[in-house]
Structures are given as structure tokens and as C-alpha cells.
Protein backbone atom coordinates (compact mmCIF):
# COMPACT_ATOMS: atom_id res chain seq x y z
CA UNK A 1 1.68 -28.22 4.00
CA UNK A 2 5.47 -28.66 3.86
CA UNK A 3 7.05 -27.59 0.61
CA UNK A 4 9.70 -29.28 -1.49
CA UNK A 5 12.87 -27.65 -2.79
CA UNK A 6 14.46 -29.89 -5.42
CA UNK A 7 14.46 -33.34 -3.83
CA UNK A 8 14.61 -32.06 -0.25
CA UNK A 9 11.60 -31.51 1.95
CA UNK A 10 12.04 -28.27 3.92
CA UNK A 11 9.76 -26.81 6.58
CA UNK A 12 11.79 -23.66 7.35
CA UNK A 13 9.90 -20.48 6.43
CA UNK A 14 11.01 -18.86 3.20
CA UNK A 15 8.72 -15.87 3.24
CA UNK A 16 7.57 -13.43 5.90
CA UNK A 17 4.37 -11.50 5.30
CA UNK A 18 4.21 -8.24 7.25
CA UNK A 19 0.57 -7.39 7.98
CA UNK A 20 -0.03 -3.80 9.08
CA UNK A 21 -3.33 -3.44 10.96
CA UNK A 22 -5.12 -0.38 12.31
CA UNK A 23 -8.82 -0.19 13.24
CA UNK A 24 -9.87 -2.97 10.87
CA UNK A 25 -11.66 -5.34 13.23
CA UNK A 26 -14.06 -6.38 10.48
CA UNK A 27 -11.32 -7.38 8.06
CA UNK A 28 -8.23 -8.68 9.86
CA UNK A 29 -9.56 -12.21 10.47
CA UNK A 30 -10.36 -12.66 6.79
CA UNK A 31 -6.93 -11.31 5.86
CA UNK A 32 -5.12 -13.80 8.10
CA UNK A 33 -7.34 -16.70 7.11
CA UNK A 34 -6.58 -15.97 3.45
CA UNK A 35 -2.98 -16.93 4.26
CA UNK A 36 -3.56 -19.73 6.75
CA UNK A 37 -5.85 -21.51 4.29
CA UNK A 38 -3.16 -21.61 1.61
CA UNK A 39 -1.10 -24.67 0.68
CA UNK A 40 2.57 -24.31 1.59
CA UNK A 41 1.62 -22.33 4.71
CA UNK A 42 4.60 -23.87 6.54
CA UNK A 43 6.85 -21.87 4.21
CA UNK A 44 5.39 -18.62 5.57
CA UNK A 45 5.83 -16.56 8.73
CA UNK A 46 3.03 -14.04 9.32
CA UNK A 47 4.07 -10.95 11.27
CA UNK A 48 1.03 -8.92 12.35
CA UNK A 49 1.68 -5.40 13.64
CA UNK A 50 -1.26 -3.79 15.39
CA UNK A 51 -0.59 -0.07 15.08
CA UNK A 52 -2.37 1.08 18.23
CA UNK A 53 -5.88 0.15 17.11
CA UNK A 54 -8.72 1.55 19.19
CA UNK A 55 -11.23 -1.12 18.22
CA UNK A 56 -11.08 -4.94 18.45
CA UNK A 57 -8.46 -5.41 15.75
CA UNK A 58 -5.84 -6.72 18.17
CA UNK A 59 -8.31 -9.06 19.87
CA UNK A 60 -9.45 -10.42 16.52
CA UNK A 61 -5.86 -11.02 15.38
CA UNK A 62 -4.99 -12.63 18.71
CA UNK A 63 -7.94 -15.00 18.39
CA UNK A 64 -6.63 -16.19 15.02
CA UNK A 65 -3.09 -16.50 16.40
CA UNK A 66 -4.29 -18.57 19.34
CA UNK A 67 -6.26 -20.81 17.02
CA UNK A 68 -3.05 -21.25 15.01
CA UNK A 69 -1.21 -22.16 18.25
CA UNK A 70 1.65 -19.83 17.32
CA UNK A 71 2.69 -22.03 14.42
CA UNK A 72 2.72 -19.30 11.80
CA UNK A 73 1.70 -15.96 13.36
CA UNK A 74 3.78 -13.53 15.37
CA UNK A 75 1.62 -10.76 16.82
CA UNK A 76 3.17 -7.40 17.69
CA UNK A 77 1.57 -4.31 19.14
CA UNK A 78 2.77 -0.70 19.20
CA UNK A 79 1.53 2.82 19.75
CA UNK A 80 -0.04 4.34 16.68
CA UNK A 81 2.64 5.54 14.28
CA UNK A 82 1.11 5.07 10.87
CA UNK A 83 1.49 2.54 8.08
CA UNK A 84 5.20 3.10 7.54
CA UNK A 85 6.00 2.73 11.23
CA UNK A 86 4.00 -0.52 11.39
CA UNK A 87 5.76 -1.95 8.36
CA UNK A 88 9.16 -0.95 9.75
CA UNK A 89 8.35 -2.71 13.01
CA UNK A 90 7.38 -5.81 11.07
CA UNK A 91 10.50 -5.62 8.92
CA UNK A 92 12.67 -5.58 12.04
CA UNK A 93 11.20 -8.98 12.97
CA UNK A 94 11.80 -10.60 9.57
CA UNK A 95 14.29 -13.47 9.60
CA UNK A 96 13.43 -15.07 6.26
CA UNK A 97 15.16 -14.58 2.91
CA UNK A 98 12.00 -13.12 1.35
CA UNK A 99 9.39 -10.63 2.54
CA UNK A 100 6.00 -9.42 1.37
CA UNK A 101 3.39 -7.01 2.66
CA UNK A 102 -0.35 -7.23 3.25
CA UNK A 103 -2.57 -4.43 4.43
CA UNK A 104 -4.88 -5.83 7.09
CA UNK A 105 -8.06 -5.22 5.11
CA UNK A 106 -6.80 -6.99 1.97
CA UNK A 107 -6.54 -10.73 1.22
CA UNK A 108 -4.43 -13.20 -0.68
CA UNK A 109 -6.27 -15.11 -3.38
CA UNK A 110 -6.42 -18.82 -3.97
CA UNK A 111 -3.22 -19.97 -5.63
CA UNK A 112 -0.90 -17.41 -4.05
CA UNK A 113 1.46 -19.89 -2.40
CA UNK A 114 1.15 -22.41 -5.25
CA UNK A 115 2.49 -19.76 -7.61
CA UNK A 116 5.04 -18.03 -5.38
CA UNK A 117 6.61 -20.49 -2.94
CA UNK A 118 8.15 -22.87 -5.52
CA UNK A 119 9.78 -19.86 -7.17
CA UNK A 120 11.21 -18.63 -3.90
CA UNK A 121 12.50 -22.12 -3.13
CA UNK A 122 14.67 -21.86 -6.25
CA UNK A 123 16.53 -18.99 -4.57
CA UNK A 124 17.08 -17.30 -7.93
CA UNK A 125 14.58 -14.48 -8.05
CA UNK A 126 15.01 -11.16 -6.24
CA UNK A 127 11.54 -9.88 -7.10
CA UNK A 128 8.34 -11.76 -7.90
CA UNK A 129 5.50 -9.53 -9.03
CA UNK A 130 1.89 -10.44 -9.73
CA UNK A 131 -1.42 -8.87 -10.67
CA UNK A 132 -4.09 -7.45 -8.40
CA UNK A 133 -7.83 -8.01 -8.13
CA UNK A 134 -9.80 -5.05 -6.74
CA UNK A 135 -12.63 -6.25 -4.50
CA UNK A 136 -15.38 -4.67 -2.43
CA UNK A 137 -16.35 -5.31 1.19
CA UNK A 138 -17.99 -8.60 0.30
CA UNK A 139 -15.15 -9.87 -1.88
CA UNK A 140 -16.89 -9.13 -5.17
CA UNK A 141 -14.54 -8.38 -8.02
CA UNK A 142 -14.59 -4.75 -9.18
CA UNK A 143 -11.55 -4.54 -11.45
CA UNK A 144 -8.02 -5.81 -12.04
CA UNK A 145 -4.64 -4.10 -12.08
CA UNK A 146 -2.04 -5.58 -14.42
CA UNK A 147 1.23 -5.19 -12.55
CA UNK A 148 2.94 -8.08 -14.34
CA UNK A 149 2.70 -7.77 -18.11
CA UNK A 150 1.56 -11.03 -19.72
CA UNK A 151 3.96 -10.41 -22.62
CA UNK A 152 6.86 -10.54 -20.16
CA UNK A 153 5.57 -13.59 -18.26
CA UNK A 154 8.25 -15.63 -16.54
CA UNK A 155 11.68 -14.85 -15.16
CA UNK A 156 14.61 -12.89 -16.49
CA UNK A 157 17.63 -10.93 -15.33
CA UNK A 158 16.87 -7.35 -14.38
CA UNK A 159 17.76 -5.05 -17.26
CA UNK A 160 17.41 -1.41 -18.19
CA UNK A 161 14.42 -2.38 -20.33
CA UNK A 162 12.77 -4.14 -17.37
CA UNK A 163 13.48 -1.16 -15.12
CA UNK A 164 12.01 1.24 -17.64
CA UNK A 165 8.95 -1.00 -18.03
CA UNK A 166 8.37 -0.76 -14.29
CA UNK A 167 8.88 3.02 -14.30
CA UNK A 168 6.50 3.47 -17.23
CA UNK A 169 3.76 1.44 -15.55
CA UNK A 170 4.64 2.68 -12.05
CA UNK A 171 2.49 0.26 -10.08
CA UNK A 172 4.31 0.82 -6.81
CA UNK A 173 2.00 -1.05 -4.40
CA UNK A 174 4.33 -2.71 -1.92
CA UNK A 175 1.93 -5.64 -1.60
CA UNK A 176 1.86 -6.46 -5.34
CA UNK A 177 5.13 -8.39 -5.15
CA UNK A 178 7.46 -10.27 -2.83
CA UNK A 179 11.09 -9.27 -2.38
CA UNK A 180 14.41 -10.66 -1.37
CA UNK A 181 14.69 -9.16 2.10
CA UNK A 182 18.16 -7.75 1.56
CA UNK A 183 16.80 -5.36 -1.08
CA UNK A 184 15.58 -3.15 1.77
CA UNK A 185 17.48 -0.81 4.04
CA UNK A 186 16.78 -0.93 7.76
CA UNK A 187 13.42 0.75 8.51
CA UNK A 188 12.92 1.56 4.81
CA UNK A 189 9.47 3.15 4.92
CA UNK A 190 9.46 6.92 5.67
CA UNK A 191 7.42 7.38 8.84
CA UNK A 192 4.59 9.89 8.64
CA UNK A 193 4.73 10.19 4.86
CA UNK A 194 1.82 9.39 2.56
CA UNK A 195 2.58 7.55 -0.71
CA UNK A 196 5.38 5.77 1.10
CA UNK A 197 5.37 2.92 -1.43
CA UNK A 198 6.37 5.36 -4.17
CA UNK A 199 9.35 6.38 -2.04
CA UNK A 200 10.59 2.83 -1.50
CA UNK A 201 9.66 0.39 -4.27
CA UNK A 202 11.57 2.05 -7.17
CA UNK A 203 14.86 1.56 -5.30
CA UNK A 204 14.19 -2.16 -4.78
CA UNK A 205 13.99 -2.59 -8.55
CA UNK A 206 17.37 -0.95 -9.00
CA UNK A 207 18.93 -3.27 -6.42
CA UNK A 208 17.39 -6.44 -7.84
CA UNK A 209 19.38 -8.67 -10.20
CA UNK A 210 16.43 -10.75 -11.36
CA UNK A 211 12.65 -10.57 -11.62
CA UNK A 212 9.81 -13.03 -12.20
CA UNK A 213 6.45 -11.91 -13.62
CA UNK A 214 3.23 -13.77 -12.79
CA UNK A 215 0.42 -12.26 -14.93
CA UNK A 216 -2.28 -13.63 -12.62
CA UNK A 217 -4.12 -11.87 -9.76
CA UNK A 218 -2.79 -13.25 -6.48
CA UNK A 219 -3.91 -10.54 -4.07
CA UNK A 220 -7.27 -8.91 -3.44
CA UNK A 221 -7.06 -5.16 -2.81
CA UNK A 222 -10.04 -3.91 -0.85
CA UNK A 223 -11.62 -0.75 -2.17
CA UNK A 224 -13.69 0.63 0.69
CA UNK A 225 -15.07 4.04 1.46
CA UNK A 226 -12.88 6.30 3.57
CA UNK A 227 -9.58 4.47 3.08
CA UNK A 228 -6.41 6.57 3.05
CA UNK A 229 -5.97 6.20 -0.71
CA UNK A 230 -9.43 7.64 -1.43
CA UNK A 231 -8.94 10.86 0.51
CA UNK A 232 -6.90 13.78 -0.86
CA UNK A 233 -5.11 16.23 1.41
CA UNK A 234 -2.48 18.92 1.23
CA UNK A 235 -0.05 16.51 2.88
CA UNK A 236 -0.53 14.10 0.00
CA UNK A 237 0.69 16.71 -2.47
CA UNK A 238 3.53 17.82 -0.20
CA UNK A 239 4.70 14.24 0.35
CA UNK A 240 4.59 13.54 -3.37
CA UNK A 241 6.86 16.54 -3.83
CA UNK A 242 9.29 15.06 -1.28
CA UNK A 243 9.27 11.78 -3.22
CA UNK A 244 9.87 13.73 -6.42
CA UNK A 245 12.75 15.68 -4.90
CA UNK A 246 14.38 12.43 -3.82
CA UNK A 247 13.98 10.98 -7.32
CA UNK A 248 15.56 14.05 -8.94
CA UNK A 249 18.43 13.95 -6.45
CA UNK A 250 19.34 10.49 -7.80
CA UNK A 251 19.92 11.94 -11.27
CA UNK A 252 23.70 12.24 -11.47
CA UNK A 253 24.42 12.27 -15.19
CA UNK A 254 24.59 8.47 -15.27
CA UNK A 255 22.77 5.80 -17.22
CA UNK A 256 19.83 5.61 -14.80
CA UNK A 257 18.82 9.27 -15.16
CA UNK A 258 16.01 8.37 -17.57
CA UNK A 259 14.65 5.92 -15.01
CA UNK A 260 14.53 8.49 -12.23
CA UNK A 261 13.17 11.22 -14.53
CA UNK A 262 10.34 8.85 -15.47
CA UNK A 263 9.72 8.16 -11.78
CA UNK A 264 9.52 11.91 -11.17
CA UNK A 265 7.12 12.33 -14.08
CA UNK A 266 4.80 9.68 -12.64
CA UNK A 267 4.96 11.30 -9.20
CA UNK A 268 4.17 14.70 -10.69
CA UNK A 269 1.16 13.38 -12.60
CA UNK A 270 -0.08 11.76 -9.40
CA UNK A 271 0.38 15.05 -7.56
CA UNK A 272 -1.71 16.79 -10.23
CA UNK A 273 -4.44 14.17 -9.81
CA UNK A 274 -4.41 14.56 -6.02
CA UNK A 275 -4.28 18.36 -6.15
CA UNK A 276 -7.53 18.37 -8.13
CA UNK A 277 -9.22 16.52 -5.26
CA UNK A 278 -8.14 18.42 -2.16
CA UNK A 279 -10.73 20.50 -0.34
CA UNK A 280 -11.28 24.14 -1.21
CA UNK A 281 -9.33 25.50 1.74
CA UNK A 282 -6.16 23.60 0.77
CA UNK A 283 -6.32 24.04 -3.00
CA UNK A 284 -4.23 27.23 -3.19
CA UNK A 285 -1.38 25.71 -1.16
CA UNK A 286 -1.61 22.47 -3.08
CA UNK A 287 -1.35 24.38 -6.37
CA UNK A 288 1.68 26.26 -5.06
CA UNK A 289 3.27 22.94 -4.13
CA UNK A 290 2.70 21.69 -7.68
CA UNK A 291 4.39 24.81 -9.04
CA UNK A 292 7.31 24.27 -6.68
CA UNK A 293 7.55 20.68 -7.89
CA UNK A 294 7.74 21.95 -11.48
CA UNK A 295 10.52 24.31 -10.43
CA UNK A 296 12.40 21.40 -8.86
CA UNK A 297 12.16 19.60 -12.19
CA UNK A 298 13.37 22.59 -14.18
CA UNK A 299 16.40 23.09 -11.93
CA UNK A 300 17.30 19.40 -12.12
CA UNK A 301 17.02 19.40 -15.90
CA UNK A 302 19.24 22.49 -16.14
CA UNK A 303 21.82 20.87 -13.87
CA UNK A 304 21.88 17.74 -16.03
CA UNK A 305 22.12 19.83 -19.22
CA UNK A 306 25.11 21.75 -17.88
CA UNK A 307 26.86 18.58 -16.78
CA UNK A 308 26.35 16.37 -19.81
CA UNK A 309 24.70 18.23 -22.65
CA UNK A 310 21.25 16.77 -21.93
CA UNK A 311 18.41 18.78 -23.43
CA UNK A 312 16.34 20.84 -21.01
CA UNK A 313 12.78 19.49 -21.21
CA UNK A 314 10.01 21.45 -19.54
CA UNK A 315 6.92 19.86 -18.03
CA UNK A 316 3.82 20.32 -20.11
CA UNK A 317 1.40 23.05 -18.88
CA UNK A 318 -0.58 21.56 -16.03
CA UNK A 319 -2.54 24.30 -14.25
CA UNK A 320 -5.53 24.37 -16.59
CA UNK A 321 -5.65 20.57 -16.70
CA UNK A 322 -5.72 20.39 -12.89
CA UNK A 323 -8.56 22.93 -12.72
CA UNK A 324 -10.52 21.09 -15.42
CA UNK A 325 -10.00 17.77 -13.62
CA UNK A 326 -11.12 19.42 -10.39
CA UNK A 327 -14.34 20.67 -12.00
CA UNK A 328 -15.11 17.23 -13.40
CA UNK A 329 -14.38 15.60 -10.04
CA UNK A 330 -16.78 17.84 -8.15
CA UNK A 331 -19.41 17.60 -10.88
CA UNK A 332 -19.38 13.82 -10.54
CA UNK A 333 -19.83 14.21 -6.80
CA UNK A 334 -22.81 16.47 -7.35
CA UNK A 335 -24.39 14.02 -9.80
CA UNK A 336 -24.03 11.21 -7.29
CA UNK A 337 -25.82 13.29 -4.67
CA UNK A 338 -28.58 14.17 -7.09
CA UNK A 339 -29.06 10.51 -7.95
CA UNK A 340 -28.94 9.69 -4.23
CA UNK A 341 -26.14 7.25 -4.75
CA UNK A 342 -24.69 6.83 -1.29
CA UNK A 343 -21.56 5.14 -0.04
CA UNK A 344 -21.29 3.22 3.19
CA UNK A 345 -19.43 5.48 5.63
CA UNK A 346 -19.04 2.83 8.29
CA UNK A 347 -16.36 0.27 8.94
CA UNK A 348 -17.42 -3.31 8.38
CA UNK A 349 -18.31 -4.89 11.70
CA UNK A 350 -16.36 -7.85 13.00
CA UNK A 351 -17.90 -11.00 11.62
CA UNK A 352 -17.66 -14.10 13.80
CA UNK A 353 -16.54 -17.17 11.94
CA UNK A 354 -15.42 -15.32 8.85
CA UNK A 355 -14.31 -17.35 5.87
CA UNK A 356 -12.66 -16.29 2.65
CA UNK A 357 -14.21 -17.79 -0.44
CA UNK A 358 -11.69 -16.18 -2.75
CA UNK A 359 -8.65 -17.63 -1.00
CA UNK A 360 -10.06 -21.15 -1.01
């Protein structure tokens, strides 16, 4: 459907959606159909990046693209480089004023374009954020994530209060908002790093001049067994430390120090959570990385205190809390085994003729 901007009818794409896809043959068709079935689809360019999949992901995406006759989908293929590399490849192909991201096993919900495209057509808003519905393999709703606070519904200039609100909530999912493309540097996502969204999204908020909040779920995040966000590794903790180091480096005695210190605090708490879930062989190194992260914080606080009289604030004791969390985590795992509650370890098979009821 063409969209209208003021009194003019315009069919030029406003928004590119970068879809990163790797070994998700059972999901990618539903993901793409959740966009193609939307009103205002002519306002959208879909850039699919197959990141060296070893299954039928590319073939499934190509089948949808051929059915679309190239009207909306650009399909790219590269050697496997990880999520950041795939997104960077997609970003390099973006030619629209706005960009968003979709992981290839997630979906947009009914009403996405109705809510977003008219706002983008105004050309006023640098960021448009919306809420998230967590779904299972069959699209059943499990939970919701409130990214956009209903109290702050609507649009406003970006302010220190709005920045601090984002930092306090710290919902950094790249796919939970759309962005003015110029908010990003070239190849913005750090290749090979886990928690790459946490390294990138906070900076886009600082660069934005305006933001619009939509307190409605517009994207379905797929919670499935074995996804990267459900596994904890030593690299996760190490990469969170890198993110934290970068946040602390941005503290320069200026007015945004509180923002970046809050970002660090959120990263540190996430690192504690992840550390409690690494396997036994990696726990010692993960704990040492946490301690190093605390040292980074202490040194940064001392530097700021020397430069501007800021009080040195220590992190609260964390070691015992991490160990307690770890015990609870493994106890829950044991209870699940005792109750014979099993999770599906297999990828969802490709489903011919998939349709997305949620996207309408």
C-alpha cells in the first residue's frame, strides 16, 4: 500500500529493515511475511543478509524474494561472520532515511507499519521506540517488555531526563526501535562481540535530537531453546567488560558522566548475572573478569574525583550475590530435571506455506 505524507502520495521507501539470518530455515519465511503482509509495505525496503547459513535459510529467503518479484526484498549472502558482521553488511546497503533491525527468527506484529510509517513520514523523529511481545515457537505470547513507558507516550525533544530514563531502563535491543540512519557510524556493530547492542544503542540516544514513544508491542521476540541470549560463556563476561570500559572512557567530567556511569552500572549487573550462569570450568576466569571490571570502575571514579571533585562511589559487594545466584540457577536446573521438564533442543523445521497470524 502506498503511504501518504501530508497531501502528497509517496512510494519511495522511508525505512530499511536489516534482517540478519543464520541457520533459521524454520523461521525466516514467517519473519519476512510478517513485514510483507503489513500495510504501507511500499514504504519499506527489506535487506536480508544470510550470514553463511548451512541449512536452507538462504533458499527459504530466496523463495520469498522471488514471490515478491524483487519489489521489496534485497537478498545478500556472505561468509559466516556473526550477527554484527551481518548487520554491518546490511547497513552498508541502506539508502533510506530510517533503519530498523529484525533478527530472522523474530516477527513484526500487526499494526507495526500503521504505527511507525506515518511518524517517519513527518521527518521529525530521530528515534521511534516501541514495546516487545515475547513469543514461543508457535507464536504464543509468553511475556511483554515495556521499552516505551506509557507515561511518556508520544513525541518530545531528547533531553537529559529522557536519556537518563533510557539508561535506567537499559532495554538496548536494537530491534525495539527504528532510527534515523545518520545516527550510526559506518559499520557500527563490533564484529565478534557478544552483547553488541549494548555497545551501540546508548550512543544513538546521545546523538538523537528527538524521540517518539509507542507503548504498544510492535515486534515479537522469539524465545527459543539454544539461542545466543540463553547461553552464558566466558566471552559474554569479557565482552561486557569491553562495553563497560568503553562507557567509562566516555566519562570526561562533563554533564553526561551520570549517563555513562549508569550505562556501566547496568553492564556490570548484567555481567554478574551472566557470570553466575557460565559453566564450572569458566567460572574462575569469569569471576576474575568481574573483579577487573570493578577495578575499572574504581579507577574511573578516582579519575573523575580528582578532576572535578566528584565523590568516589564504590560498587556494592557482588561476589557473594553472584555465588548465591549461581546456586539458585543450578538448583532450578536440577528441579527441572527431577520433574522431567524438557526443552526442545531442535531447530524448528521449515514449514511450507507458513503464515503469521500475529502480523495479520
